Amino acid sequence: MPEPTASTLLLASPDPATLYAVEPVLASFGGAVQVVLSETAALQALTAELPPALAVLDATLPGTETGQLLAAIRADTHGKDVPVVLIADAVSAEFADRLAEGVVDDLILRTEQPAYFRLRLEAVQRARRMRCELESLRDASARQALFDPLTGVYNRAALLSMLFRETDRVQRLGSSLCLALFDVDDFGHWNERLGAEACDDLLCKVVERTSHILRSYDALGRTGKDEFLAMLPGCSAVNAMQLAERLKLEVFGRPFHAGSDSIRLSACFGVANSMGRSPVVVLREAEQALATAREAGPESIQYFGDSHRPAHAPVMYLSRNSGDELLAW
């Protein structure tokens, strides 16, 4: 729930004495005071694209009944959190119910002194700031539960949960689903040579390049220090292997820059086909395929169930297309 950018404070009342008493109190908060005299004008101000930061409404506004006005405000603000304070001549059962339901944030009697108005309005604004802070903490907590804090992609738990749901879809519809698991070759070497901060930046760059290649409905997660899992709905085994080849060329085929250094990273890939089976089984197969690829050497791609292990071809660490001096290991 973001803090409002509006500095306007709305005062809606047809009573000159109320306007005279309350307007200076609102003005002392530092915002511009918008005065309206009818419920129609109040509703327009509250449902505008940029609503006021605080609204003080007189229960005697001409137009519809106050209860209908409050209901219309809450229905038409589309979740925009505008604190609403009601000024009334007496605390009726209806107004007490609205206060208990949170339709209004406070109810102040018209006969109160300006100093008391100020205290109550300050309390309303303080309560709103606390709600905003709490909502921000909740959002941060929810994000932490789903996403890797370094790279911003899904964490392992979140991706596994999505994998179970996607497997249900595969079983119902008979569609295809593949997993592509990959990790960066000998990343510990770069961690020792460049330092943890530079290597964290490299992982973020790997994620950025990978995300540009994946489709909008694919899901990418970080499952280990330098290991990532791509969940590929609607992707056949052949297409998944082609995607792994493309990731090898377009993500790892170009040098990465770490400070003044230009380095070449490589990765091994393990691909497995779901076929509607348990996600735990399919993930284990992807891990076994990745282990086989590691044995074959850097930049290897292995599909689970394929007994053929690619030959260990030498890896080039000098770019043919740039003049960058590449670090090698």
C-alpha atoms as a PDB file:
ATOM      1  CA  MET A   1       0.000   0.000   0.000  1.00  0.00           C
ATOM      2  CA  PRO A   2       2.011   2.998  -1.212  1.00  0.00           C
ATOM      3  CA  GLU A   3       1.983   6.376   0.477  1.00  0.00           C
ATOM      4  CA  PRO A   4      -0.278   8.866  -1.314  1.00  0.00           C
ATOM      5  CA  THR A   5       1.363  11.434  -3.550  1.00  0.00           C
ATOM      6  CA  ALA A   6      -1.579  13.803  -3.224  1.00  0.00           C
ATOM      7  CA  SER A   7      -1.219  16.687  -0.759  1.00  0.00           C
ATOM      8  CA  THR A   8      -4.837  17.843  -1.126  1.00  0.00           C
ATOM      9  CA  LEU A   9      -7.089  17.631   1.938  1.00  0.00           C
ATOM     10  CA  LEU A  10     -10.804  17.499   1.210  1.00  0.00           C
ATOM     11  CA  LEU A  11     -13.368  19.335   3.330  1.00  0.00           C
ATOM     12  CA  ALA A  12     -16.985  18.726   2.314  1.00  0.00           C
ATOM     13  CA  SER A  13     -19.610  20.667   4.229  1.00  0.00           C
ATOM     14  CA  PRO A  14     -22.506  23.047   3.456  1.00  0.00           C
ATOM     15  CA  ASP A  15     -22.241  24.648   6.912  1.00  0.00           C
ATOM     16  CA  PRO A  16     -20.298  27.952   7.000  1.00  0.00           C
ATOM     17  CA  ALA A  17     -19.519  27.597  10.706  1.00  0.00           C
ATOM     18  CA  THR A  18     -18.032  24.145  10.195  1.00  0.00           C
ATOM     19  CA  LEU A  19     -15.967  25.370   7.251  1.00  0.00           C
ATOM     20  CA  TYR A  20     -14.745  28.302   9.312  1.00  0.00           C
ATOM     21  CA  ALA A  21     -13.680  26.046  12.201  1.00  0.00           C
ATOM     22  CA  VAL A  22     -12.199  23.085  10.349  1.00  0.00           C
ATOM     23  CA  GLU A  23     -10.521  24.599   7.282  1.00  0.00           C
ATOM     24  CA  PRO A  24      -7.698  26.281   9.278  1.00  0.00           C
ATOM     25  CA  VAL A  25      -7.049  22.996  11.083  1.00  0.00           C
ATOM     26  CA  LEU A  26      -6.612  21.155   7.777  1.00  0.00           C
ATOM     27  CA  ALA A  27      -4.494  23.978   6.357  1.00  0.00           C
ATOM     28  CA  SER A  28      -2.127  23.647   9.312  1.00  0.00           C
ATOM     29  CA  PHE A  29      -1.204  20.150   8.068  1.00  0.00           C
ATOM     30  CA  GLY A  30       0.596  21.762   5.132  1.00  0.00           C
ATOM     31  CA  GLY A  31      -1.585  20.571   2.251  1.00  0.00           C
ATOM     32  CA  ALA A  32      -3.965  22.462  -0.005  1.00  0.00           C
ATOM     33  CA  VAL A  33      -7.541  22.361   1.275  1.00  0.00           C
ATOM     34  CA  GLN A  34     -10.246  21.607  -1.298  1.00  0.00           C
ATOM     35  CA  VAL A  35     -13.671  22.756  -0.132  1.00  0.00           C
ATOM     36  CA  VAL A  36     -16.828  21.306  -1.707  1.00  0.00           C
ATOM     37  CA  LEU A  37     -20.443  21.891  -0.747  1.00  0.00           C
ATOM     38  CA  SER A  38     -22.317  18.826  -2.002  1.00  0.00           C
ATOM     39  CA  GLU A  39     -22.089  15.047  -1.933  1.00  0.00           C
ATOM     40  CA  THR A  40     -21.745  14.933  -5.733  1.00  0.00           C
ATOM     41  CA  ALA A  41     -18.645  17.138  -5.630  1.00  0.00           C
ATOM     42  CA  ALA A  42     -17.257  15.146  -2.699  1.00  0.00           C
ATOM     43  CA  LEU A  43     -17.686  11.855  -4.563  1.00  0.00           C
ATOM     44  CA  GLN A  44     -16.011  13.278  -7.672  1.00  0.00           C
ATOM     45  CA  ALA A  45     -13.034  14.456  -5.626  1.00  0.00           C
ATOM     46  CA  LEU A  46     -12.689  11.122  -3.818  1.00  0.00           C
ATOM     47  CA  THR A  47     -12.904   8.992  -6.964  1.00  0.00           C
ATOM     48  CA  ALA A  48     -10.506  11.123  -9.010  1.00  0.00           C
ATOM     49  CA  GLU A  49      -7.329   9.554 -10.409  1.00  0.00           C
ATOM     50  CA  LEU A  50      -5.353  11.301  -7.683  1.00  0.00           C
ATOM     51  CA  PRO A  51      -7.633  11.357  -4.614  1.00  0.00           C
ATOM     52  CA  PRO A  52      -7.059  13.522  -1.542  1.00  0.00           C
ATOM     53  CA  ALA A  53      -4.809  12.390   1.268  1.00  0.00           C
ATOM     54  CA  LEU A  54      -7.595  12.939   3.798  1.00  0.00           C
ATOM     55  CA  ALA A  55     -11.341  13.587   3.537  1.00  0.00           C
ATOM     56  CA  VAL A  56     -13.507  15.302   6.154  1.00  0.00           C
ATOM     57  CA  LEU A  57     -17.198  14.878   5.323  1.00  0.00           C
ATOM     58  CA  ASP A  58     -20.163  16.605   6.932  1.00  0.00           C
ATOM     59  CA  ALA A  59     -23.094  14.282   7.601  1.00  0.00           C
ATOM     60  CA  THR A  60     -25.439  17.090   6.509  1.00  0.00           C
ATOM     61  CA  LEU A  61     -24.118  17.242   2.934  1.00  0.00           C
ATOM     62  CA  PRO A  62     -27.034  17.763   0.527  1.00  0.00           C
ATOM     63  CA  GLY A  63     -27.769  14.915  -1.867  1.00  0.00           C
ATOM     64  CA  THR A  64     -28.104  11.224  -1.090  1.00  0.00           C
ATOM     65  CA  GLU A  65     -28.152   9.836   2.443  1.00  0.00           C
ATOM     66  CA  THR A  66     -24.796   9.748   4.205  1.00  0.00           C
ATOM     67  CA  GLY A  67     -24.768   5.941   4.326  1.00  0.00           C
ATOM     68  CA  GLN A  68     -25.232   5.747   0.553  1.00  0.00           C
ATOM     69  CA  LEU A  69     -22.490   8.314   0.007  1.00  0.00           C
ATOM     70  CA  LEU A  70     -20.030   6.353   2.170  1.00  0.00           C
ATOM     71  CA  ALA A  71     -20.895   3.108   0.378  1.00  0.00           C
ATOM     72  CA  ALA A  72     -20.373   4.788  -2.991  1.00  0.00           C
ATOM     73  CA  ILE A  73     -17.002   6.137  -1.893  1.00  0.00           C
ATOM     74  CA  ARG A  74     -15.718   2.736  -0.792  1.00  0.00           C
ATOM     75  CA  ALA A  75     -17.066   1.097  -3.961  1.00  0.00           C
ATOM     76  CA  ASP A  76     -15.640   3.658  -6.394  1.00  0.00           C
ATOM     77  CA  THR A  77     -12.175   4.341  -4.949  1.00  0.00           C
ATOM     78  CA  HIS A  78     -10.975   0.927  -6.260  1.00  0.00           C
ATOM     79  CA  GLY A  79      -8.877   0.128  -3.218  1.00  0.00           C
ATOM     80  CA  LYS A  80      -7.353   3.598  -2.830  1.00  0.00           C
ATOM     81  CA  ASP A  81      -6.905   4.101   0.884  1.00  0.00           C
ATOM     82  CA  VAL A  82      -8.367   7.532   1.631  1.00  0.00           C
ATOM     83  CA  PRO A  83      -8.957   8.151   5.349  1.00  0.00           C
ATOM     84  CA  VAL A  84     -12.508   9.469   5.838  1.00  0.00           C
ATOM     85  CA  VAL A  85     -13.535  11.447   8.911  1.00  0.00           C
ATOM     86  CA  LEU A  86     -17.225  12.177   9.465  1.00  0.00           C
ATOM     87  CA  ILE A  87     -18.540  15.291  11.219  1.00  0.00           C
ATOM     88  CA  ALA A  88     -21.987  14.823  12.762  1.00  0.00           C
ATOM     89  CA  ASP A  89     -24.315  16.445  15.254  1.00  0.00           C
ATOM     90  CA  ALA A  90     -24.738  13.184  17.183  1.00  0.00           C
ATOM     91  CA  VAL A  91     -23.454   9.609  17.221  1.00  0.00           C
ATOM     92  CA  SER A  92     -26.274   7.629  15.673  1.00  0.00           C
ATOM     93  CA  ALA A  93     -26.433   3.835  15.570  1.00  0.00           C
ATOM     94  CA  GLU A  94     -25.817   3.964  11.811  1.00  0.00           C
ATOM     95  CA  PHE A  95     -22.681   6.072  12.175  1.00  0.00           C
ATOM     96  CA  ALA A  96     -21.405   3.854  14.992  1.00  0.00           C
ATOM     97  CA  ASP A  97     -21.847   0.827  12.724  1.00  0.00           C
ATOM     98  CA  ARG A  98     -19.968   2.549   9.889  1.00  0.00           C
ATOM     99  CA  LEU A  99     -17.129   3.355  12.279  1.00  0.00           C
ATOM    100  CA  ALA A 100     -16.982  -0.247  13.548  1.00  0.00           C
ATOM    101  CA  GLU A 101     -16.990  -1.587   9.981  1.00  0.00           C
ATOM    102  CA  GLY A 102     -14.104   0.684   8.981  1.00  0.00           C
ATOM    103  CA  VAL A 103     -16.194   2.557   6.409  1.00  0.00           C
ATOM    104  CA  VAL A 104     -15.164   5.746   8.199  1.00  0.00           C
ATOM    105  CA  ASP A 105     -11.930   6.169  10.113  1.00  0.00           C
ATOM    106  CA  ASP A 106     -13.280   8.507  12.789  1.00  0.00           C
ATOM    107  CA  LEU A 107     -16.422  10.329  13.862  1.00  0.00           C
ATOM    108  CA  ILE A 108     -16.162  13.791  15.433  1.00  0.00           C
ATOM    109  CA  LEU A 109     -19.018  15.807  16.868  1.00  0.00           C
ATOM    110  CA  ARG A 110     -19.559  19.218  15.328  1.00  0.00           C
ATOM    111  CA  THR A 111     -19.479  20.908  18.749  1.00  0.00           C
ATOM    112  CA  GLU A 112     -15.867  19.941  19.462  1.00  0.00           C
ATOM    113  CA  GLN A 113     -13.166  22.621  19.649  1.00  0.00           C
ATOM    114  CA  PRO A 114     -10.635  23.075  16.783  1.00  0.00           C
ATOM    115  CA  ALA A 115      -7.762  21.854  18.972  1.00  0.00           C
ATOM    116  CA  TYR A 116      -9.638  18.595  19.526  1.00  0.00           C
ATOM    117  CA  PHE A 117     -10.327  18.308  15.791  1.00  0.00           C
ATOM    118  CA  ARG A 118      -6.617  18.612  15.155  1.00  0.00           C
ATOM    119  CA  LEU A 119      -5.725  15.855  17.636  1.00  0.00           C
ATOM    120  CA  ARG A 120      -8.261  13.463  16.138  1.00  0.00           C
ATOM    121  CA  LEU A 121      -7.220  14.181  12.537  1.00  0.00           C
ATOM    122  CA  GLU A 122      -3.550  13.706  13.436  1.00  0.00           C
ATOM    123  CA  ALA A 123      -4.449  10.345  14.993  1.00  0.00           C
ATOM    124  CA  VAL A 124      -6.247   9.293  11.799  1.00  0.00           C
ATOM    125  CA  GLN A 125      -3.250  10.176   9.648  1.00  0.00           C
ATOM    126  CA  ARG A 126      -0.865   8.443  12.048  1.00  0.00           C
ATOM    127  CA  ALA A 127      -2.981   5.294  11.976  1.00  0.00           C
ATOM    128  CA  ARG A 128      -2.963   5.346   8.193  1.00  0.00           C
ATOM    129  CA  ARG A 129       0.833   5.645   8.067  1.00  0.00           C
ATOM    130  CA  MET A 130       1.082   2.653  10.371  1.00  0.00           C
ATOM    131  CA  ARG A 131      -1.246   0.670   8.101  1.00  0.00           C
ATOM    132  CA  CYS A 132       0.898   1.595   5.094  1.00  0.00           C
ATOM    133  CA  GLU A 133       4.056   0.461   6.891  1.00  0.00           C
ATOM    134  CA  LEU A 134       2.409  -2.794   7.957  1.00  0.00           C
ATOM    135  CA  GLU A 135       1.209  -3.458   4.418  1.00  0.00           C
ATOM    136  CA  SER A 136       4.708  -2.795   3.081  1.00  0.00           C
ATOM    137  CA  LEU A 137       6.144  -5.274   5.576  1.00  0.00           C
ATOM    138  CA  ARG A 138       3.541  -7.851   4.551  1.00  0.00           C
ATOM    139  CA  ASP A 139       4.372  -7.326   0.878  1.00  0.00           C
ATOM    140  CA  ALA A 140       8.084  -7.690   1.589  1.00  0.00           C
ATOM    141  CA  SER A 141       7.462 -10.848   3.606  1.00  0.00           C
ATOM    142  CA  ALA A 142       5.288 -12.331   0.865  1.00  0.00           C
ATOM    143  CA  ARG A 143       7.927 -11.525  -1.743  1.00  0.00           C
ATOM    144  CA  GLN A 144      10.654 -13.076   0.380  1.00  0.00           C
ATOM    145  CA  ALA A 145       8.585 -16.253   0.628  1.00  0.00           C
ATOM    146  CA  LEU A 146       8.409 -16.535  -3.187  1.00  0.00           C
ATOM    147  CA  PHE A 147      11.499 -14.937  -4.686  1.00  0.00           C
ATOM    148  CA  ASP A 148      15.253 -15.268  -4.421  1.00  0.00           C
ATOM    149  CA  PRO A 149      16.471 -12.033  -2.765  1.00  0.00           C
ATOM    150  CA  LEU A 150      19.583 -11.784  -4.963  1.00  0.00           C
ATOM    151  CA  THR A 151      18.345 -12.485  -8.486  1.00  0.00           C
ATOM    152  CA  GLY A 152      14.610 -11.791  -8.154  1.00  0.00           C
ATOM    153  CA  VAL A 153      13.565 -15.106  -9.737  1.00  0.00           C
ATOM    154  CA  TYR A 154      11.506 -17.719  -7.895  1.00  0.00           C
ATOM    155  CA  ASN A 155      13.147 -19.562  -5.032  1.00  0.00           C
ATOM    156  CA  ARG A 156      13.232 -23.342  -4.913  1.00  0.00           C
ATOM    157  CA  ALA A 157      10.146 -23.773  -2.712  1.00  0.00           C
ATOM    158  CA  ALA A 158       8.004 -21.466  -4.832  1.00  0.00           C
ATOM    159  CA  LEU A 159       9.093 -23.099  -8.079  1.00  0.00           C
ATOM    160  CA  LEU A 160       8.359 -26.576  -6.742  1.00  0.00           C
ATOM    161  CA  SER A 161       4.889 -25.445  -5.704  1.00  0.00           C
ATOM    162  CA  MET A 162       4.295 -24.111  -9.227  1.00  0.00           C
ATOM    163  CA  LEU A 163       5.642 -27.354 -10.654  1.00  0.00           C
ATOM    164  CA  PHE A 164       3.069 -29.402  -8.725  1.00  0.00           C
ATOM    165  CA  ARG A 165       0.252 -27.182 -10.024  1.00  0.00           C
ATOM    166  CA  GLU A 166       1.542 -27.368 -13.587  1.00  0.00           C
ATOM    167  CA  THR A 167       1.820 -31.152 -13.349  1.00  0.00           C
ATOM    168  CA  ASP A 168      -1.861 -31.311 -12.401  1.00  0.00           C
ATOM    169  CA  ARG A 169      -2.617 -29.374 -15.587  1.00  0.00           C
ATOM    170  CA  VAL A 170      -0.505 -31.771 -17.638  1.00  0.00           C
ATOM    171  CA  GLN A 171      -2.382 -34.741 -16.189  1.00  0.00           C
ATOM    172  CA  ARG A 172      -5.802 -33.156 -16.882  1.00  0.00           C
ATOM    173  CA  LEU A 173      -5.109 -31.875 -20.384  1.00  0.00           C
ATOM    174  CA  GLY A 174      -2.495 -34.304 -21.615  1.00  0.00           C
ATOM    175  CA  SER A 175      -0.157 -31.421 -22.435  1.00  0.00           C
ATOM    176  CA  SER A 176       3.635 -31.422 -22.322  1.00  0.00           C
ATOM    177  CA  LEU A 177       6.029 -30.088 -19.721  1.00  0.00           C
ATOM    178  CA  CYS A 178       9.818 -30.176 -19.505  1.00  0.00           C
ATOM    179  CA  LEU A 179      12.430 -29.039 -17.014  1.00  0.00           C
ATOM    180  CA  ALA A 180      15.807 -27.560 -17.908  1.00  0.00           C
ATOM    181  CA  LEU A 181      18.264 -27.485 -15.013  1.00  0.00           C
ATOM    182  CA  PHE A 182      21.599 -25.734 -15.445  1.00  0.00           C
ATOM    183  CA  ASP A 183      24.478 -24.498 -13.348  1.00  0.00           C
ATOM    184  CA  VAL A 184      27.544 -22.408 -14.052  1.00  0.00           C
ATOM    185  CA  ASP A 185      30.743 -24.396 -14.577  1.00  0.00           C
ATOM    186  CA  ASP A 186      33.423 -24.027 -11.905  1.00  0.00           C
ATOM    187  CA  PHE A 187      31.733 -21.002 -10.340  1.00  0.00           C
ATOM    188  CA  GLY A 188      33.803 -21.470  -7.170  1.00  0.00           C
ATOM    189  CA  HIS A 189      36.877 -20.482  -9.186  1.00  0.00           C
ATOM    190  CA  TRP A 190      35.325 -17.158 -10.128  1.00  0.00           C
ATOM    191  CA  ASN A 191      34.124 -16.617  -6.572  1.00  0.00           C
ATOM    192  CA  GLU A 192      37.695 -16.931  -5.319  1.00  0.00           C
ATOM    193  CA  ARG A 193      39.165 -14.842  -8.120  1.00  0.00           C
ATOM    194  CA  LEU A 194      36.606 -12.021  -8.369  1.00  0.00           C
ATOM    195  CA  GLY A 195      35.006 -12.008  -4.933  1.00  0.00           C
ATOM    196  CA  ALA A 196      31.468 -12.674  -3.751  1.00  0.00           C
ATOM    197  CA  GLU A 197      30.044  -9.280  -4.728  1.00  0.00           C
ATOM    198  CA  ALA A 198      31.237  -9.493  -8.333  1.00  0.00           C
ATOM    199  CA  CYS A 199      29.980 -13.059  -8.628  1.00  0.00           C
ATOM    200  CA  ASP A 200      26.571 -12.088  -7.268  1.00  0.00           C
ATOM    201  CA  ASP A 201      26.413  -9.500 -10.030  1.00  0.00           C
ATOM    202  CA  LEU A 202      27.353 -12.180 -12.578  1.00  0.00           C
ATOM    203  CA  LEU A 203      24.485 -14.397 -11.413  1.00  0.00           C
ATOM    204  CA  CYS A 204      22.070 -11.486 -11.823  1.00  0.00           C
ATOM    205  CA  LYS A 205      23.341 -10.970 -15.365  1.00  0.00           C
ATOM    206  CA  VAL A 206      22.873 -14.675 -16.135  1.00  0.00           C
ATOM    207  CA  VAL A 207      19.268 -14.392 -14.933  1.00  0.00           C
ATOM    208  CA  GLU A 208      18.699 -11.243 -16.983  1.00  0.00           C
ATOM    209  CA  ARG A 209      19.925 -12.860 -20.202  1.00  0.00           C
ATOM    210  CA  THR A 210      17.995 -16.063 -19.511  1.00  0.00           C
ATOM    211  CA  SER A 211      14.754 -14.213 -18.786  1.00  0.00           C
ATOM    212  CA  HIS A 212      14.958 -12.452 -22.153  1.00  0.00           C
ATOM    213  CA  ILE A 213      14.981 -15.827 -23.912  1.00  0.00           C
ATOM    214  CA  LEU A 214      12.269 -17.636 -21.944  1.00  0.00           C
ATOM    215  CA  ARG A 215       8.609 -17.229 -22.871  1.00  0.00           C
ATOM    216  CA  SER A 216       6.264 -15.160 -20.714  1.00  0.00           C
ATOM    217  CA  TYR A 217       4.617 -18.270 -19.274  1.00  0.00           C
ATOM    218  CA  ASP A 218       7.847 -20.125 -18.510  1.00  0.00           C
ATOM    219  CA  ALA A 219       9.112 -19.942 -14.933  1.00  0.00           C
ATOM    220  CA  LEU A 220      12.724 -19.511 -13.826  1.00  0.00           C
ATOM    221  CA  GLY A 221      13.961 -20.234 -10.328  1.00  0.00           C
ATOM    222  CA  ARG A 222      17.229 -20.356  -8.447  1.00  0.00           C
ATOM    223  CA  THR A 223      17.641 -23.774  -6.882  1.00  0.00           C
ATOM    224  CA  GLY A 224      21.235 -23.499  -5.645  1.00  0.00           C
ATOM    225  CA  LYS A 225      24.167 -21.108  -5.359  1.00  0.00           C
ATOM    226  CA  ASP A 226      24.832 -21.123  -9.111  1.00  0.00           C
ATOM    227  CA  GLU A 227      22.078 -23.502 -10.206  1.00  0.00           C
ATOM    228  CA  PHE A 228      18.840 -22.521 -11.959  1.00  0.00           C
ATOM    229  CA  LEU A 229      15.734 -24.392 -13.041  1.00  0.00           C
ATOM    230  CA  ALA A 230      13.504 -23.415 -15.966  1.00  0.00           C
ATOM    231  CA  MET A 231       9.982 -24.856 -15.990  1.00  0.00           C
ATOM    232  CA  LEU A 232       8.752 -25.061 -19.579  1.00  0.00           C
ATOM    233  CA  PRO A 233       4.991 -25.682 -19.979  1.00  0.00           C
ATOM    234  CA  GLY A 234       3.850 -26.907 -23.388  1.00  0.00           C
ATOM    235  CA  CYS A 235       7.433 -27.678 -24.358  1.00  0.00           C
ATOM    236  CA  SER A 236       8.369 -31.055 -25.870  1.00  0.00           C
ATOM    237  CA  ALA A 237      11.644 -32.829 -25.150  1.00  0.00           C
ATOM    238  CA  VAL A 238      13.018 -31.806 -28.548  1.00  0.00           C
ATOM    239  CA  ASN A 239      12.102 -28.169 -28.009  1.00  0.00           C
ATOM    240  CA  ALA A 240      13.531 -28.217 -24.494  1.00  0.00           C
ATOM    241  CA  MET A 241      16.862 -29.489 -25.845  1.00  0.00           C
ATOM    242  CA  GLN A 242      16.810 -26.772 -28.493  1.00  0.00           C
ATOM    243  CA  LEU A 243      16.154 -24.187 -25.791  1.00  0.00           C
ATOM    244  CA  ALA A 244      19.118 -25.497 -23.794  1.00  0.00           C
ATOM    245  CA  GLU A 245      21.311 -25.083 -26.892  1.00  0.00           C
ATOM    246  CA  ARG A 246      20.034 -21.554 -27.315  1.00  0.00           C
ATOM    247  CA  LEU A 247      20.730 -20.704 -23.666  1.00  0.00           C
ATOM    248  CA  LYS A 248      24.240 -22.083 -24.042  1.00  0.00           C
ATOM    249  CA  LEU A 249      24.889 -19.868 -27.070  1.00  0.00           C
ATOM    250  CA  GLU A 250      23.018 -16.662 -26.213  1.00  0.00           C
ATOM    251  CA  VAL A 251      23.470 -16.532 -22.431  1.00  0.00           C
ATOM    252  CA  PHE A 252      26.936 -18.028 -22.056  1.00  0.00           C
ATOM    253  CA  GLY A 253      28.341 -17.550 -25.555  1.00  0.00           C
ATOM    254  CA  ARG A 254      29.008 -13.842 -24.979  1.00  0.00           C
ATOM    255  CA  PRO A 255      31.470 -12.513 -22.397  1.00  0.00           C
ATOM    256  CA  PHE A 256      30.319 -11.045 -19.112  1.00  0.00           C
ATOM    257  CA  HIS A 257      31.859  -7.909 -17.655  1.00  0.00           C
ATOM    258  CA  ALA A 258      32.896  -7.841 -14.004  1.00  0.00           C
ATOM    259  CA  GLY A 259      34.429  -4.462 -13.274  1.00  0.00           C
ATOM    260  CA  SER A 260      37.321  -4.026 -15.677  1.00  0.00           C
ATOM    261  CA  ASP A 261      37.456  -7.748 -16.445  1.00  0.00           C
ATOM    262  CA  SER A 262      35.743  -9.490 -19.332  1.00  0.00           C
ATOM    263  CA  ILE A 263      35.159 -13.148 -18.584  1.00  0.00           C
ATOM    264  CA  ARG A 264      33.624 -16.155 -20.267  1.00  0.00           C
ATOM    265  CA  LEU A 265      31.206 -18.295 -18.275  1.00  0.00           C
ATOM    266  CA  SER A 266      29.871 -21.652 -19.346  1.00  0.00           C
ATOM    267  CA  ALA A 267      27.164 -23.944 -18.023  1.00  0.00           C
ATOM    268  CA  CYS A 268      26.011 -27.542 -18.123  1.00  0.00           C
ATOM    269  CA  PHE A 269      22.374 -28.463 -18.722  1.00  0.00           C
ATOM    270  CA  GLY A 270      20.150 -31.350 -17.696  1.00  0.00           C
ATOM    271  CA  VAL A 271      16.737 -31.771 -19.368  1.00  0.00           C
ATOM    272  CA  ALA A 272      13.880 -34.037 -18.269  1.00  0.00           C
ATOM    273  CA  ASN A 273      10.359 -34.604 -19.581  1.00  0.00           C
ATOM    274  CA  SER A 274       7.460 -34.582 -17.107  1.00  0.00           C
ATOM    275  CA  MET A 275       4.909 -36.736 -18.950  1.00  0.00           C
ATOM    276  CA  GLY A 276       2.540 -36.016 -16.053  1.00  0.00           C
ATOM    277  CA  ARG A 277       4.644 -37.878 -13.490  1.00  0.00           C
ATOM    278  CA  SER A 278       5.472 -36.761  -9.949  1.00  0.00           C
ATOM    279  CA  PRO A 279       7.445 -33.492  -9.956  1.00  0.00           C
ATOM    280  CA  VAL A 280       9.812 -34.994  -7.403  1.00  0.00           C
ATOM    281  CA  VAL A 281      10.670 -37.812  -9.822  1.00  0.00           C
ATOM    282  CA  VAL A 282      11.076 -35.471 -12.807  1.00  0.00           C
ATOM    283  CA  LEU A 283      13.265 -33.056 -10.848  1.00  0.00           C
ATOM    284  CA  ARG A 284      15.443 -35.958  -9.735  1.00  0.00           C
ATOM    285  CA  GLU A 285      15.807 -36.998 -13.366  1.00  0.00           C
ATOM    286  CA  ALA A 286      16.835 -33.457 -14.345  1.00  0.00           C
ATOM    287  CA  GLU A 287      19.430 -33.513 -11.554  1.00  0.00           C
ATOM    288  CA  GLN A 288      20.783 -36.853 -12.788  1.00  0.00           C
ATOM    289  CA  ALA A 289      20.943 -35.528 -16.355  1.00  0.00           C
ATOM    290  CA  LEU A 290      22.823 -32.477 -15.104  1.00  0.00           C
ATOM    291  CA  ALA A 291      25.261 -34.689 -13.205  1.00  0.00           C
ATOM    292  CA  THR A 292      25.910 -36.650 -16.399  1.00  0.00           C
ATOM    293  CA  ALA A 293      26.467 -33.401 -18.293  1.00  0.00           C
ATOM    294  CA  ARG A 294      28.995 -32.273 -15.681  1.00  0.00           C
ATOM    295  CA  GLU A 295      30.892 -35.511 -16.132  1.00  0.00           C
ATOM    296  CA  ALA A 296      30.990 -34.898 -19.888  1.00  0.00           C
ATOM    297  CA  GLY A 297      32.618 -31.513 -19.398  1.00  0.00           C
ATOM    298  CA  PRO A 298      31.816 -27.790 -19.581  1.00  0.00           C
ATOM    299  CA  GLU A 299      28.993 -26.667 -21.888  1.00  0.00           C
ATOM    300  CA  SER A 300      27.486 -30.154 -22.073  1.00  0.00           C
ATOM    301  CA  ILE A 301      23.753 -30.749 -22.470  1.00  0.00           C
ATOM    302  CA  GLN A 302      22.201 -34.043 -21.388  1.00  0.00           C
ATOM    303  CA  TYR A 303      18.646 -35.339 -21.740  1.00  0.00           C
ATOM    304  CA  PHE A 304      17.615 -37.879 -19.099  1.00  0.00           C
ATOM    305  CA  GLY A 305      17.290 -41.335 -20.587  1.00  0.00           C
ATOM    306  CA  ASP A 306      19.687 -40.632 -23.428  1.00  0.00           C
ATOM    307  CA  SER A 307      22.554 -43.074 -22.991  1.00  0.00           C
ATOM    308  CA  HIS A 308      24.727 -41.116 -25.400  1.00  0.00           C
ATOM    309  CA  ARG A 309      27.130 -38.851 -23.623  1.00  0.00           C
ATOM    310  CA  PRO A 310      28.465 -36.012 -25.759  1.00  0.00           C
ATOM    311  CA  ALA A 311      32.191 -35.955 -26.406  1.00  0.00           C
ATOM    312  CA  HIS A 312      34.168 -33.609 -24.256  1.00  0.00           C
ATOM    313  CA  ALA A 313      34.985 -30.919 -26.801  1.00  0.00           C
ATOM    314  CA  PRO A 314      37.540 -28.244 -25.897  1.00  0.00           C
ATOM    315  CA  VAL A 315      36.021 -24.976 -24.718  1.00  0.00           C
ATOM    316  CA  MET A 316      37.182 -21.748 -26.317  1.00  0.00           C
ATOM    317  CA  TYR A 317      37.605 -18.811 -23.983  1.00  0.00           C
ATOM    318  CA  LEU A 318      38.641 -16.197 -26.518  1.00  0.00           C
ATOM    319  CA  SER A 319      35.885 -14.346 -28.309  1.00  0.00           C
ATOM    320  CA  ARG A 320      36.113 -14.372 -32.101  1.00  0.00           C
ATOM    321  CA  ASN A 321      33.840 -11.351 -32.342  1.00  0.00           C
ATOM    322  CA  SER A 322      35.323  -8.936 -29.820  1.00  0.00           C
ATOM    323  CA  GLY A 323      38.677  -7.620 -28.871  1.00  0.00           C
ATOM    324  CA  ASP A 324      38.062  -8.243 -25.182  1.00  0.00           C
ATOM    325  CA  GLU A 325      40.783 -10.037 -23.297  1.00  0.00           C
ATOM    326  CA  LEU A 326      38.948 -12.910 -21.617  1.00  0.00           C
ATOM    327  CA  LEU A 327      39.977 -14.500 -18.369  1.00  0.00           C
ATOM    328  CA  ALA A 328      40.375 -18.262 -18.578  1.00  0.00           C
ATOM    329  CA  TRP A 329      40.478 -21.090 -16.055  1.00  0.00           C
END
